[in-house]
Amino acid sequence: MTLRLLLLLALVSTAQAGAAAPSQPSAVALLHAAADAPNHVSFVGQVELLNIGSHGSDASVFRVEHLAPNLTRRWYIAPSNLYGDATISRGDSTYAIDVRHQRVVVTHNETFGVHMGWSHNLSLLMRNYRPVLGSDAIVSGRVAHVIALVNRYTGATTMRLWIDSHTSLMLERQVYATNGSLVTQMHFDDVRFVSSVPATTFNIPSNYASVQGPSRGVPSDDPAHVIAQCGFAARAPRYLPEGFTPVAADLADEKGVRTLHVLYSDGLRTISLFENARGAGTDMSGYHPVATTIGTLRAQEGDDGPTTLLAWSQDALHFTLVGDLNKDEMERIAASLVQ
């Protein structure tokens, strides 16, 4: 066999091997597919959620049933004080079923799901984070593509996602603090993809009292327009961490008080600023509040897992700042609101 023929056979063999090997999807394509998956993928499964905070860890386990595109039910197994409670989402309305008190708390203009917390603004996320594709892994017996989201400004990995290789559903999510420690983990213990879910799954108990939850306004992607309608001289922070920008705003009725809510985001982390001019009290339950100061102003500060909350007043305005940032960054943002 001549050398020329050997070389030709080697080239043909290489081309055939390359054609047979499946192409690895890009990280960007995977993110878009995962964000869209709940719109057309129906599933049932069991999920574990862990939040790690400075005051300890909170863990919950729930069964989840999702009928694409927008019906979701969570039925809580743990902790014991939530056993049997459920939350049902129908489009942009949620129904929190409180078994012990036999009531349903209804909240409109609010959604939830296993993807909440990262897929709300992918274009902004891509501007501020670099997706890095890692080696495939197994989650709940299924092959998953692994993506690390690396902050373009700090170089820190902020989140890691495990995305089902067949359906693109996100099967696991880990969130990290700025020092690299784990603060949140969500993963499926088991999952089964289905063609349908019985309609009765999403029924609201008719024998329970119906209670109106917080009155949330319809979010607008034009924060400046909403701010102009709030009826008081609202303030905007003079400092935001790199990559953050106002992305949405709404006006809500919180305990009879007109409250402005502006959402800031870098595409992954969020900061919510609530302002009102009538002194609506801030519910700090669950945040382990402690007294602190913002400049010369007295304030309260607390945390719940990765979330930090600050509340204070100045002149006739009352502020609550809630964000997925550490204490130092949150205090710097708060200080930039003080006049």
C-alpha atoms as a PDB file:
ATOM      1  CA  MET A   1       0.000   0.000   0.000  1.00  0.00           C
ATOM      2  CA  THR A   2       1.466   3.338  -1.051  1.00  0.00           C
ATOM      3  CA  LEU A   3       2.106   6.180   1.361  1.00  0.00           C
ATOM      4  CA  ARG A   4      -0.378   8.326  -0.561  1.00  0.00           C
ATOM      5  CA  LEU A   5      -3.133   5.721  -0.108  1.00  0.00           C
ATOM      6  CA  LEU A   6      -2.361   5.393   3.623  1.00  0.00           C
ATOM      7  CA  LEU A   7      -2.673   9.157   4.070  1.00  0.00           C
ATOM      8  CA  LEU A   8      -5.986   9.194   2.172  1.00  0.00           C
ATOM      9  CA  LEU A   9      -7.409   6.387   4.310  1.00  0.00           C
ATOM     10  CA  ALA A  10      -6.307   8.223   7.479  1.00  0.00           C
ATOM     11  CA  LEU A  11      -8.086  11.413   6.347  1.00  0.00           C
ATOM     12  CA  VAL A  12     -11.298   9.514   5.550  1.00  0.00           C
ATOM     13  CA  SER A  13     -11.178   7.744   8.930  1.00  0.00           C
ATOM     14  CA  THR A  14     -10.677  11.045  10.762  1.00  0.00           C
ATOM     15  CA  ALA A  15     -13.565  12.693   8.894  1.00  0.00           C
ATOM     16  CA  GLN A  16     -15.885   9.798   9.682  1.00  0.00           C
ATOM     17  CA  ALA A  17     -14.955   9.872  13.366  1.00  0.00           C
ATOM     18  CA  GLY A  18     -15.580  13.601  13.481  1.00  0.00           C
ATOM     19  CA  ALA A  19     -18.956  13.221  11.803  1.00  0.00           C
ATOM     20  CA  ALA A  20     -20.011  10.500  14.230  1.00  0.00           C
ATOM     21  CA  ALA A  21     -19.076  12.455  17.370  1.00  0.00           C
ATOM     22  CA  PRO A  22     -21.988  14.544  18.724  1.00  0.00           C
ATOM     23  CA  SER A  23     -21.315  18.272  18.783  1.00  0.00           C
ATOM     24  CA  GLN A  24     -21.089  19.833  22.251  1.00  0.00           C
ATOM     25  CA  PRO A  25     -23.696  22.599  22.656  1.00  0.00           C
ATOM     26  CA  SER A  26     -22.444  26.079  23.410  1.00  0.00           C
ATOM     27  CA  ALA A  27     -22.922  27.508  26.896  1.00  0.00           C
ATOM     28  CA  VAL A  28     -24.942  30.416  25.499  1.00  0.00           C
ATOM     29  CA  ALA A  29     -27.293  28.105  23.578  1.00  0.00           C
ATOM     30  CA  LEU A  30     -27.760  25.972  26.690  1.00  0.00           C
ATOM     31  CA  LEU A  31     -28.719  28.975  28.809  1.00  0.00           C
ATOM     32  CA  HIS A  32     -31.335  30.091  26.312  1.00  0.00           C
ATOM     33  CA  ALA A  33     -32.743  26.569  26.019  1.00  0.00           C
ATOM     34  CA  ALA A  34     -32.886  26.153  29.804  1.00  0.00           C
ATOM     35  CA  ALA A  35     -34.666  29.475  30.267  1.00  0.00           C
ATOM     36  CA  ASP A  36     -37.291  28.433  27.729  1.00  0.00           C
ATOM     37  CA  ALA A  37     -37.688  24.807  28.889  1.00  0.00           C
ATOM     38  CA  PRO A  38     -40.544  25.346  31.418  1.00  0.00           C
ATOM     39  CA  ASN A  39     -42.645  26.855  28.637  1.00  0.00           C
ATOM     40  CA  HIS A  40     -42.875  23.532  26.809  1.00  0.00           C
ATOM     41  CA  VAL A  41     -41.602  20.806  29.183  1.00  0.00           C
ATOM     42  CA  SER A  42     -43.986  19.233  31.724  1.00  0.00           C
ATOM     43  CA  PHE A  43     -42.590  17.266  34.651  1.00  0.00           C
ATOM     44  CA  VAL A  44     -43.119  15.924  38.159  1.00  0.00           C
ATOM     45  CA  GLY A  45     -40.414  15.400  40.747  1.00  0.00           C
ATOM     46  CA  GLN A  46     -39.028  16.030  44.202  1.00  0.00           C
ATOM     47  CA  VAL A  47     -36.790  18.988  44.969  1.00  0.00           C
ATOM     48  CA  GLU A  48     -34.467  19.830  47.860  1.00  0.00           C
ATOM     49  CA  LEU A  49     -33.722  23.488  48.573  1.00  0.00           C
ATOM     50  CA  LEU A  50     -30.984  24.594  50.990  1.00  0.00           C
ATOM     51  CA  ASN A  51     -30.236  28.174  52.082  1.00  0.00           C
ATOM     52  CA  ILE A  52     -27.108  28.740  54.170  1.00  0.00           C
ATOM     53  CA  GLY A  53     -26.993  31.932  56.230  1.00  0.00           C
ATOM     54  CA  SER A  54     -24.934  33.400  59.047  1.00  0.00           C
ATOM     55  CA  HIS A  55     -27.597  32.271  61.550  1.00  0.00           C
ATOM     56  CA  GLY A  56     -27.806  28.690  60.320  1.00  0.00           C
ATOM     57  CA  SER A  57     -29.256  26.763  57.405  1.00  0.00           C
ATOM     58  CA  ASP A  58     -32.831  26.328  56.218  1.00  0.00           C
ATOM     59  CA  ALA A  59     -33.766  23.278  54.200  1.00  0.00           C
ATOM     60  CA  SER A  60     -37.026  22.361  52.534  1.00  0.00           C
ATOM     61  CA  VAL A  61     -38.218  19.431  50.449  1.00  0.00           C
ATOM     62  CA  PHE A  62     -41.219  19.590  48.144  1.00  0.00           C
ATOM     63  CA  ARG A  63     -42.929  17.683  45.391  1.00  0.00           C
ATOM     64  CA  VAL A  64     -43.268  19.752  42.239  1.00  0.00           C
ATOM     65  CA  GLU A  65     -45.706  19.240  39.374  1.00  0.00           C
ATOM     66  CA  HIS A  66     -45.445  21.498  36.353  1.00  0.00           C
ATOM     67  CA  LEU A  67     -47.711  21.598  33.329  1.00  0.00           C
ATOM     68  CA  ALA A  68     -46.232  23.737  30.573  1.00  0.00           C
ATOM     69  CA  PRO A  69     -46.366  26.574  30.070  1.00  0.00           C
ATOM     70  CA  ASN A  70     -47.487  28.200  33.327  1.00  0.00           C
ATOM     71  CA  LEU A  71     -49.119  25.866  35.867  1.00  0.00           C
ATOM     72  CA  THR A  72     -46.951  24.794  38.824  1.00  0.00           C
ATOM     73  CA  ARG A  73     -47.714  23.179  42.179  1.00  0.00           C
ATOM     74  CA  ARG A  74     -45.347  22.704  45.111  1.00  0.00           C
ATOM     75  CA  TRP A  75     -46.404  20.382  47.935  1.00  0.00           C
ATOM     76  CA  TYR A  76     -44.138  20.626  50.980  1.00  0.00           C
ATOM     77  CA  ILE A  77     -42.779  17.531  52.706  1.00  0.00           C
ATOM     78  CA  ALA A  78     -40.261  19.259  54.999  1.00  0.00           C
ATOM     79  CA  PRO A  79     -39.727  21.068  57.301  1.00  0.00           C
ATOM     80  CA  SER A  80     -42.426  19.729  59.595  1.00  0.00           C
ATOM     81  CA  ASN A  81     -44.107  23.114  60.102  1.00  0.00           C
ATOM     82  CA  LEU A  82     -44.768  23.298  56.342  1.00  0.00           C
ATOM     83  CA  TYR A  83     -45.808  19.679  55.808  1.00  0.00           C
ATOM     84  CA  GLY A  84     -48.910  19.515  53.645  1.00  0.00           C
ATOM     85  CA  ASP A  85     -48.842  23.187  52.661  1.00  0.00           C
ATOM     86  CA  ALA A  86     -48.735  23.943  48.967  1.00  0.00           C
ATOM     87  CA  THR A  87     -48.168  26.805  46.577  1.00  0.00           C
ATOM     88  CA  ILE A  88     -49.911  26.859  43.226  1.00  0.00           C
ATOM     89  CA  SER A  89     -48.942  29.181  40.408  1.00  0.00           C
ATOM     90  CA  ARG A  90     -51.375  29.965  37.624  1.00  0.00           C
ATOM     91  CA  GLY A  91     -49.717  32.336  35.217  1.00  0.00           C
ATOM     92  CA  ASP A  92     -48.786  35.452  37.177  1.00  0.00           C
ATOM     93  CA  SER A  93     -50.922  34.646  40.239  1.00  0.00           C
ATOM     94  CA  THR A  94     -49.919  32.480  43.187  1.00  0.00           C
ATOM     95  CA  TYR A  95     -52.077  30.730  45.770  1.00  0.00           C
ATOM     96  CA  ALA A  96     -50.351  29.816  49.044  1.00  0.00           C
ATOM     97  CA  ILE A  97     -52.403  27.063  50.708  1.00  0.00           C
ATOM     98  CA  ASP A  98     -52.051  27.174  54.502  1.00  0.00           C
ATOM     99  CA  VAL A  99     -53.441  23.859  55.773  1.00  0.00           C
ATOM    100  CA  ARG A 100     -53.194  24.625  59.486  1.00  0.00           C
ATOM    101  CA  HIS A 101     -55.166  27.839  59.223  1.00  0.00           C
ATOM    102  CA  GLN A 102     -57.363  26.557  56.373  1.00  0.00           C
ATOM    103  CA  ARG A 103     -56.781  29.595  54.227  1.00  0.00           C
ATOM    104  CA  VAL A 104     -55.431  30.500  50.800  1.00  0.00           C
ATOM    105  CA  VAL A 105     -53.294  33.623  50.421  1.00  0.00           C
ATOM    106  CA  VAL A 106     -53.728  35.017  46.920  1.00  0.00           C
ATOM    107  CA  THR A 107     -51.055  37.216  45.342  1.00  0.00           C
ATOM    108  CA  HIS A 108     -51.298  38.622  41.832  1.00  0.00           C
ATOM    109  CA  ASN A 109     -48.507  39.782  39.510  1.00  0.00           C
ATOM    110  CA  GLU A 110     -46.126  37.269  41.030  1.00  0.00           C
ATOM    111  CA  THR A 111     -44.623  34.078  39.632  1.00  0.00           C
ATOM    112  CA  PHE A 112     -42.369  31.340  40.936  1.00  0.00           C
ATOM    113  CA  GLY A 113     -40.657  28.260  39.565  1.00  0.00           C
ATOM    114  CA  VAL A 114     -37.479  26.219  39.659  1.00  0.00           C
ATOM    115  CA  HIS A 115     -35.798  28.672  37.279  1.00  0.00           C
ATOM    116  CA  MET A 116     -36.507  31.785  39.309  1.00  0.00           C
ATOM    117  CA  GLY A 117     -33.395  33.759  40.231  1.00  0.00           C
ATOM    118  CA  TRP A 118     -31.372  33.512  37.047  1.00  0.00           C
ATOM    119  CA  SER A 119     -33.426  33.459  33.849  1.00  0.00           C
ATOM    120  CA  HIS A 120     -35.321  36.752  34.101  1.00  0.00           C
ATOM    121  CA  ASN A 121     -32.975  38.763  31.844  1.00  0.00           C
ATOM    122  CA  LEU A 122     -30.551  36.672  29.814  1.00  0.00           C
ATOM    123  CA  SER A 123     -29.288  39.542  27.656  1.00  0.00           C
ATOM    124  CA  LEU A 124     -28.254  41.471  30.775  1.00  0.00           C
ATOM    125  CA  LEU A 125     -26.771  38.315  32.285  1.00  0.00           C
ATOM    126  CA  MET A 126     -24.607  37.764  29.203  1.00  0.00           C
ATOM    127  CA  ARG A 127     -23.266  41.317  29.440  1.00  0.00           C
ATOM    128  CA  ASN A 128     -22.096  40.810  33.009  1.00  0.00           C
ATOM    129  CA  TYR A 129     -21.302  37.090  33.235  1.00  0.00           C
ATOM    130  CA  ARG A 130     -19.167  34.722  31.216  1.00  0.00           C
ATOM    131  CA  PRO A 131     -20.750  31.249  30.860  1.00  0.00           C
ATOM    132  CA  VAL A 132     -18.160  28.474  31.074  1.00  0.00           C
ATOM    133  CA  LEU A 133     -19.105  24.952  30.023  1.00  0.00           C
ATOM    134  CA  GLY A 134     -17.719  22.207  32.267  1.00  0.00           C
ATOM    135  CA  SER A 135     -17.734  18.432  32.156  1.00  0.00           C
ATOM    136  CA  ASP A 136     -21.089  16.647  32.069  1.00  0.00           C
ATOM    137  CA  ALA A 137     -22.418  15.213  35.339  1.00  0.00           C
ATOM    138  CA  ILE A 138     -25.248  12.982  36.551  1.00  0.00           C
ATOM    139  CA  VAL A 139     -28.193  14.529  38.424  1.00  0.00           C
ATOM    140  CA  SER A 140     -31.136  12.363  39.448  1.00  0.00           C
ATOM    141  CA  GLY A 141     -29.904   9.647  37.128  1.00  0.00           C
ATOM    142  CA  ARG A 142     -29.809  11.951  34.104  1.00  0.00           C
ATOM    143  CA  VAL A 143     -26.909  13.381  32.105  1.00  0.00           C
ATOM    144  CA  ALA A 144     -26.595  17.115  32.698  1.00  0.00           C
ATOM    145  CA  HIS A 145     -24.460  19.801  31.083  1.00  0.00           C
ATOM    146  CA  VAL A 146     -22.703  21.973  33.684  1.00  0.00           C
ATOM    147  CA  ILE A 147     -22.309  25.742  33.264  1.00  0.00           C
ATOM    148  CA  ALA A 148     -20.438  28.113  35.579  1.00  0.00           C
ATOM    149  CA  LEU A 149     -21.471  31.781  35.450  1.00  0.00           C
ATOM    150  CA  VAL A 150     -18.360  33.869  36.074  1.00  0.00           C
ATOM    151  CA  ASN A 151     -18.670  37.574  36.908  1.00  0.00           C
ATOM    152  CA  ARG A 152     -16.846  39.579  34.230  1.00  0.00           C
ATOM    153  CA  TYR A 153     -15.779  42.269  36.736  1.00  0.00           C
ATOM    154  CA  THR A 154     -14.622  40.188  39.707  1.00  0.00           C
ATOM    155  CA  GLY A 155     -13.739  36.886  38.057  1.00  0.00           C
ATOM    156  CA  ALA A 156     -15.718  35.044  40.750  1.00  0.00           C
ATOM    157  CA  THR A 157     -18.068  32.158  39.961  1.00  0.00           C
ATOM    158  CA  THR A 158     -21.473  33.361  41.180  1.00  0.00           C
ATOM    159  CA  MET A 159     -23.649  30.460  40.074  1.00  0.00           C
ATOM    160  CA  ARG A 160     -23.361  26.967  38.653  1.00  0.00           C
ATOM    161  CA  LEU A 161     -26.170  25.251  36.717  1.00  0.00           C
ATOM    162  CA  TRP A 162     -26.795  21.614  35.802  1.00  0.00           C
ATOM    163  CA  ILE A 163     -28.991  21.428  32.675  1.00  0.00           C
ATOM    164  CA  ASP A 164     -30.643  18.222  31.486  1.00  0.00           C
ATOM    165  CA  SER A 165     -29.026  17.141  28.219  1.00  0.00           C
ATOM    166  CA  HIS A 166     -32.317  15.922  26.723  1.00  0.00           C
ATOM    167  CA  THR A 167     -35.007  18.393  27.844  1.00  0.00           C
ATOM    168  CA  SER A 168     -32.840  21.414  28.833  1.00  0.00           C
ATOM    169  CA  LEU A 169     -34.611  21.625  32.208  1.00  0.00           C
ATOM    170  CA  MET A 170     -32.381  23.006  34.939  1.00  0.00           C
ATOM    171  CA  LEU A 171     -31.909  20.112  37.407  1.00  0.00           C
ATOM    172  CA  GLU A 172     -29.558  21.715  39.920  1.00  0.00           C
ATOM    173  CA  ARG A 173     -28.433  25.217  40.849  1.00  0.00           C
ATOM    174  CA  GLN A 174     -25.738  26.415  43.250  1.00  0.00           C
ATOM    175  CA  VAL A 175     -25.228  30.049  44.267  1.00  0.00           C
ATOM    176  CA  TYR A 176     -21.972  31.276  45.811  1.00  0.00           C
ATOM    177  CA  ALA A 177     -21.051  34.238  47.999  1.00  0.00           C
ATOM    178  CA  THR A 178     -18.253  36.601  46.984  1.00  0.00           C
ATOM    179  CA  ASN A 179     -15.809  34.557  49.106  1.00  0.00           C
ATOM    180  CA  GLY A 180     -16.721  31.397  47.175  1.00  0.00           C
ATOM    181  CA  SER A 181     -18.804  29.755  49.896  1.00  0.00           C
ATOM    182  CA  LEU A 182     -22.054  28.031  48.988  1.00  0.00           C
ATOM    183  CA  VAL A 183     -25.162  29.991  50.016  1.00  0.00           C
ATOM    184  CA  THR A 184     -27.969  28.288  48.068  1.00  0.00           C
ATOM    185  CA  GLN A 185     -28.414  24.876  46.509  1.00  0.00           C
ATOM    186  CA  MET A 186     -31.459  23.534  44.686  1.00  0.00           C
ATOM    187  CA  HIS A 187     -31.550  20.095  43.090  1.00  0.00           C
ATOM    188  CA  PHE A 188     -33.987  17.446  41.931  1.00  0.00           C
ATOM    189  CA  ASP A 189     -33.866  14.210  43.912  1.00  0.00           C
ATOM    190  CA  ASP A 190     -35.937  12.646  41.166  1.00  0.00           C
ATOM    191  CA  VAL A 191     -37.698  13.900  38.074  1.00  0.00           C
ATOM    192  CA  ARG A 192     -40.033  12.388  35.513  1.00  0.00           C
ATOM    193  CA  PHE A 193     -41.033  14.076  32.281  1.00  0.00           C
ATOM    194  CA  VAL A 194     -44.689  13.692  31.342  1.00  0.00           C
ATOM    195  CA  SER A 195     -47.057  14.621  28.543  1.00  0.00           C
ATOM    196  CA  SER A 196     -49.754  15.915  30.910  1.00  0.00           C
ATOM    197  CA  VAL A 197     -50.653  16.544  34.560  1.00  0.00           C
ATOM    198  CA  PRO A 198     -54.228  16.080  35.869  1.00  0.00           C
ATOM    199  CA  ALA A 199     -56.071  19.408  35.940  1.00  0.00           C
ATOM    200  CA  THR A 200     -57.239  18.697  39.510  1.00  0.00           C
ATOM    201  CA  THR A 201     -53.624  19.039  40.645  1.00  0.00           C
ATOM    202  CA  PHE A 202     -53.964  22.810  40.340  1.00  0.00           C
ATOM    203  CA  ASN A 203     -57.352  23.165  42.028  1.00  0.00           C
ATOM    204  CA  ILE A 204     -57.645  25.677  44.868  1.00  0.00           C
ATOM    205  CA  PRO A 205     -59.498  24.368  47.986  1.00  0.00           C
ATOM    206  CA  SER A 206     -62.984  25.845  47.871  1.00  0.00           C
ATOM    207  CA  ASN A 207     -63.603  25.276  51.594  1.00  0.00           C
ATOM    208  CA  TYR A 208     -60.660  27.444  52.687  1.00  0.00           C
ATOM    209  CA  ALA A 209     -60.895  31.162  53.438  1.00  0.00           C
ATOM    210  CA  SER A 210     -59.414  33.348  50.718  1.00  0.00           C
ATOM    211  CA  VAL A 211     -57.013  36.032  51.956  1.00  0.00           C
ATOM    212  CA  GLN A 212     -55.623  38.773  49.750  1.00  0.00           C
ATOM    213  CA  GLY A 213     -51.834  38.850  49.825  1.00  0.00           C
ATOM    214  CA  PRO A 214     -49.664  41.893  49.129  1.00  0.00           C
ATOM    215  CA  SER A 215     -51.117  44.036  46.379  1.00  0.00           C
ATOM    216  CA  ARG A 216     -48.408  44.132  43.728  1.00  0.00           C
ATOM    217  CA  GLY A 217     -48.532  46.429  40.756  1.00  0.00           C
ATOM    218  CA  VAL A 218     -47.960  45.177  37.251  1.00  0.00           C
ATOM    219  CA  PRO A 219     -44.181  45.424  36.707  1.00  0.00           C
ATOM    220  CA  SER A 220     -43.071  47.860  34.047  1.00  0.00           C
ATOM    221  CA  ASP A 221     -39.773  47.726  32.167  1.00  0.00           C
ATOM    222  CA  ASP A 222     -39.795  51.544  32.153  1.00  0.00           C
ATOM    223  CA  PRO A 223     -38.759  52.404  35.760  1.00  0.00           C
ATOM    224  CA  ALA A 224     -38.509  56.137  35.039  1.00  0.00           C
ATOM    225  CA  HIS A 225     -42.179  56.284  34.028  1.00  0.00           C
ATOM    226  CA  VAL A 226     -43.307  54.424  37.168  1.00  0.00           C
ATOM    227  CA  ILE A 227     -41.165  56.624  39.428  1.00  0.00           C
ATOM    228  CA  ALA A 228     -42.763  59.721  37.925  1.00  0.00           C
ATOM    229  CA  GLN A 229     -46.206  58.369  38.930  1.00  0.00           C
ATOM    230  CA  CYS A 230     -45.393  57.499  42.561  1.00  0.00           C
ATOM    231  CA  GLY A 231     -46.600  60.800  44.051  1.00  0.00           C
ATOM    232  CA  PHE A 232     -43.514  61.632  46.148  1.00  0.00           C
ATOM    233  CA  ALA A 233     -39.897  62.649  45.607  1.00  0.00           C
ATOM    234  CA  ALA A 234     -38.391  59.194  45.259  1.00  0.00           C
ATOM    235  CA  ARG A 235     -34.632  58.731  45.415  1.00  0.00           C
ATOM    236  CA  ALA A 236     -32.309  56.583  43.349  1.00  0.00           C
ATOM    237  CA  PRO A 237     -28.992  55.186  44.624  1.00  0.00           C
ATOM    238  CA  ARG A 238     -25.940  57.148  43.573  1.00  0.00           C
ATOM    239  CA  TYR A 239     -23.889  53.957  43.813  1.00  0.00           C
ATOM    240  CA  LEU A 240     -24.568  50.508  42.366  1.00  0.00           C
ATOM    241  CA  PRO A 241     -22.091  47.640  41.944  1.00  0.00           C
ATOM    242  CA  GLU A 242     -20.682  47.215  38.446  1.00  0.00           C
ATOM    243  CA  GLY A 243     -23.176  45.735  36.014  1.00  0.00           C
ATOM    244  CA  PHE A 244     -26.330  46.642  37.946  1.00  0.00           C
ATOM    245  CA  THR A 245     -29.036  48.691  36.270  1.00  0.00           C
ATOM    246  CA  PRO A 246     -32.751  49.427  36.928  1.00  0.00           C
ATOM    247  CA  VAL A 247     -34.760  46.847  34.988  1.00  0.00           C
ATOM    248  CA  ALA A 248     -38.336  47.082  36.322  1.00  0.00           C
ATOM    249  CA  ALA A 249     -40.591  49.026  38.690  1.00  0.00           C
ATOM    250  CA  ASP A 250     -44.107  48.878  40.051  1.00  0.00           C
ATOM    251  CA  LEU A 251     -46.423  50.672  42.457  1.00  0.00           C
ATOM    252  CA  ALA A 252     -48.081  48.565  45.133  1.00  0.00           C
ATOM    253  CA  ASP A 253     -50.422  48.934  48.061  1.00  0.00           C
ATOM    254  CA  GLU A 254     -48.528  47.653  51.110  1.00  0.00           C
ATOM    255  CA  LYS A 255     -50.813  47.726  54.160  1.00  0.00           C
ATOM    256  CA  GLY A 256     -52.716  50.654  52.698  1.00  0.00           C
ATOM    257  CA  VAL A 257     -49.565  52.608  51.871  1.00  0.00           C
ATOM    258  CA  ARG A 258     -48.569  53.438  48.304  1.00  0.00           C
ATOM    259  CA  THR A 259     -45.118  51.913  47.861  1.00  0.00           C
ATOM    260  CA  LEU A 260     -42.660  52.250  44.998  1.00  0.00           C
ATOM    261  CA  HIS A 261     -40.603  49.168  44.154  1.00  0.00           C
ATOM    262  CA  VAL A 262     -37.627  49.461  41.797  1.00  0.00           C
ATOM    263  CA  LEU A 263     -35.755  46.300  40.791  1.00  0.00           C
ATOM    264  CA  TYR A 264     -32.060  46.545  39.937  1.00  0.00           C
ATOM    265  CA  SER A 265     -30.195  43.611  38.418  1.00  0.00           C
ATOM    266  CA  ASP A 266     -26.969  42.529  36.779  1.00  0.00           C
ATOM    267  CA  GLY A 267     -28.836  39.708  35.050  1.00  0.00           C
ATOM    268  CA  LEU A 268     -28.238  37.263  37.889  1.00  0.00           C
ATOM    269  CA  ARG A 269     -28.269  39.004  41.251  1.00  0.00           C
ATOM    270  CA  THR A 270     -31.018  41.445  42.182  1.00  0.00           C
ATOM    271  CA  ILE A 271     -31.541  44.436  44.456  1.00  0.00           C
ATOM    272  CA  SER A 272     -35.039  45.639  45.367  1.00  0.00           C
ATOM    273  CA  LEU A 273     -35.556  49.171  46.669  1.00  0.00           C
ATOM    274  CA  PHE A 274     -38.913  49.914  48.344  1.00  0.00           C
ATOM    275  CA  GLU A 275     -39.833  53.526  49.149  1.00  0.00           C
ATOM    276  CA  ASN A 276     -42.906  55.155  50.629  1.00  0.00           C
ATOM    277  CA  ALA A 277     -43.772  58.504  52.182  1.00  0.00           C
ATOM    278  CA  ARG A 278     -46.129  57.302  54.934  1.00  0.00           C
ATOM    279  CA  GLY A 279     -44.009  55.145  57.206  1.00  0.00           C
ATOM    280  CA  ALA A 280     -45.189  51.633  56.377  1.00  0.00           C
ATOM    281  CA  GLY A 281     -43.463  49.262  58.773  1.00  0.00           C
ATOM    282  CA  THR A 282     -41.017  46.719  57.406  1.00  0.00           C
ATOM    283  CA  ASP A 283     -41.616  43.097  58.322  1.00  0.00           C
ATOM    284  CA  MET A 284     -38.208  41.897  59.542  1.00  0.00           C
ATOM    285  CA  SER A 285     -39.425  38.511  60.758  1.00  0.00           C
ATOM    286  CA  GLY A 286     -37.099  35.785  59.621  1.00  0.00           C
ATOM    287  CA  TYR A 287     -34.207  38.197  59.051  1.00  0.00           C
ATOM    288  CA  HIS A 288     -32.781  38.260  62.638  1.00  0.00           C
ATOM    289  CA  PRO A 289     -32.641  42.089  62.650  1.00  0.00           C
ATOM    290  CA  VAL A 290     -29.968  44.025  64.515  1.00  0.00           C
ATOM    291  CA  ALA A 291     -29.562  47.761  65.035  1.00  0.00           C
ATOM    292  CA  THR A 292     -27.065  49.498  62.792  1.00  0.00           C
ATOM    293  CA  THR A 293     -26.447  52.941  61.272  1.00  0.00           C
ATOM    294  CA  ILE A 294     -26.373  54.312  57.759  1.00  0.00           C
ATOM    295  CA  GLY A 295     -24.331  57.449  58.047  1.00  0.00           C
ATOM    296  CA  THR A 296     -25.896  59.121  61.081  1.00  0.00           C
ATOM    297  CA  LEU A 297     -29.279  57.442  60.605  1.00  0.00           C
ATOM    298  CA  ARG A 298     -30.535  54.572  62.723  1.00  0.00           C
ATOM    299  CA  ALA A 299     -31.396  51.464  60.728  1.00  0.00           C
ATOM    300  CA  GLN A 300     -32.182  47.789  61.023  1.00  0.00           C
ATOM    301  CA  GLU A 301     -30.227  45.115  59.208  1.00  0.00           C
ATOM    302  CA  GLY A 302     -30.871  41.401  58.789  1.00  0.00           C
ATOM    303  CA  ASP A 303     -30.192  38.473  56.521  1.00  0.00           C
ATOM    304  CA  ASP A 304     -31.875  35.308  55.357  1.00  0.00           C
ATOM    305  CA  GLY A 305     -29.491  32.969  53.568  1.00  0.00           C
ATOM    306  CA  PRO A 306     -27.935  34.917  50.666  1.00  0.00           C
ATOM    307  CA  THR A 307     -30.371  37.836  51.085  1.00  0.00           C
ATOM    308  CA  THR A 308     -29.543  40.985  53.063  1.00  0.00           C
ATOM    309  CA  LEU A 309     -32.183  43.501  54.179  1.00  0.00           C
ATOM    310  CA  LEU A 310     -31.763  47.084  55.379  1.00  0.00           C
ATOM    311  CA  ALA A 311     -34.560  49.393  56.588  1.00  0.00           C
ATOM    312  CA  TRP A 312     -34.313  53.059  57.614  1.00  0.00           C
ATOM    313  CA  SER A 313     -36.062  56.425  57.399  1.00  0.00           C
ATOM    314  CA  GLN A 314     -35.003  59.950  56.550  1.00  0.00           C
ATOM    315  CA  ASP A 315     -37.223  63.006  56.605  1.00  0.00           C
ATOM    316  CA  ALA A 316     -40.629  61.856  55.308  1.00  0.00           C
ATOM    317  CA  LEU A 317     -39.285  58.919  53.299  1.00  0.00           C
ATOM    318  CA  HIS A 318     -38.984  55.298  54.421  1.00  0.00           C
ATOM    319  CA  PHE A 319     -36.682  52.843  52.684  1.00  0.00           C
ATOM    320  CA  THR A 320     -36.232  49.080  52.538  1.00  0.00           C
ATOM    321  CA  LEU A 321     -33.353  47.625  50.554  1.00  0.00           C
ATOM    322  CA  VAL A 322     -33.283  43.883  49.830  1.00  0.00           C
ATOM    323  CA  GLY A 323     -30.544  42.247  47.811  1.00  0.00           C
ATOM    324  CA  ASP A 324     -28.440  39.202  46.974  1.00  0.00           C
ATOM    325  CA  LEU A 325     -25.260  40.983  48.042  1.00  0.00           C
ATOM    326  CA  ASN A 326     -23.031  40.991  51.096  1.00  0.00           C
ATOM    327  CA  LYS A 327     -23.468  43.395  53.997  1.00  0.00           C
ATOM    328  CA  ASP A 328     -20.722  45.838  52.948  1.00  0.00           C
ATOM    329  CA  GLU A 329     -22.094  46.300  49.426  1.00  0.00           C
ATOM    330  CA  MET A 330     -25.660  46.731  50.693  1.00  0.00           C
ATOM    331  CA  GLU A 331     -24.599  49.343  53.234  1.00  0.00           C
ATOM    332  CA  ARG A 332     -22.701  51.244  50.523  1.00  0.00           C
ATOM    333  CA  ILE A 333     -25.811  51.307  48.318  1.00  0.00           C
ATOM    334  CA  ALA A 334     -27.945  52.442  51.268  1.00  0.00           C
ATOM    335  CA  ALA A 335     -25.467  55.217  52.118  1.00  0.00           C
ATOM    336  CA  SER A 336     -25.728  56.527  48.565  1.00  0.00           C
ATOM    337  CA  LEU A 337     -29.478  57.092  49.146  1.00  0.00           C
ATOM    338  CA  VAL A 338     -28.915  59.286  52.208  1.00  0.00           C
ATOM    339  CA  GLN A 339     -29.055  63.030  51.691  1.00  0.00           C
END
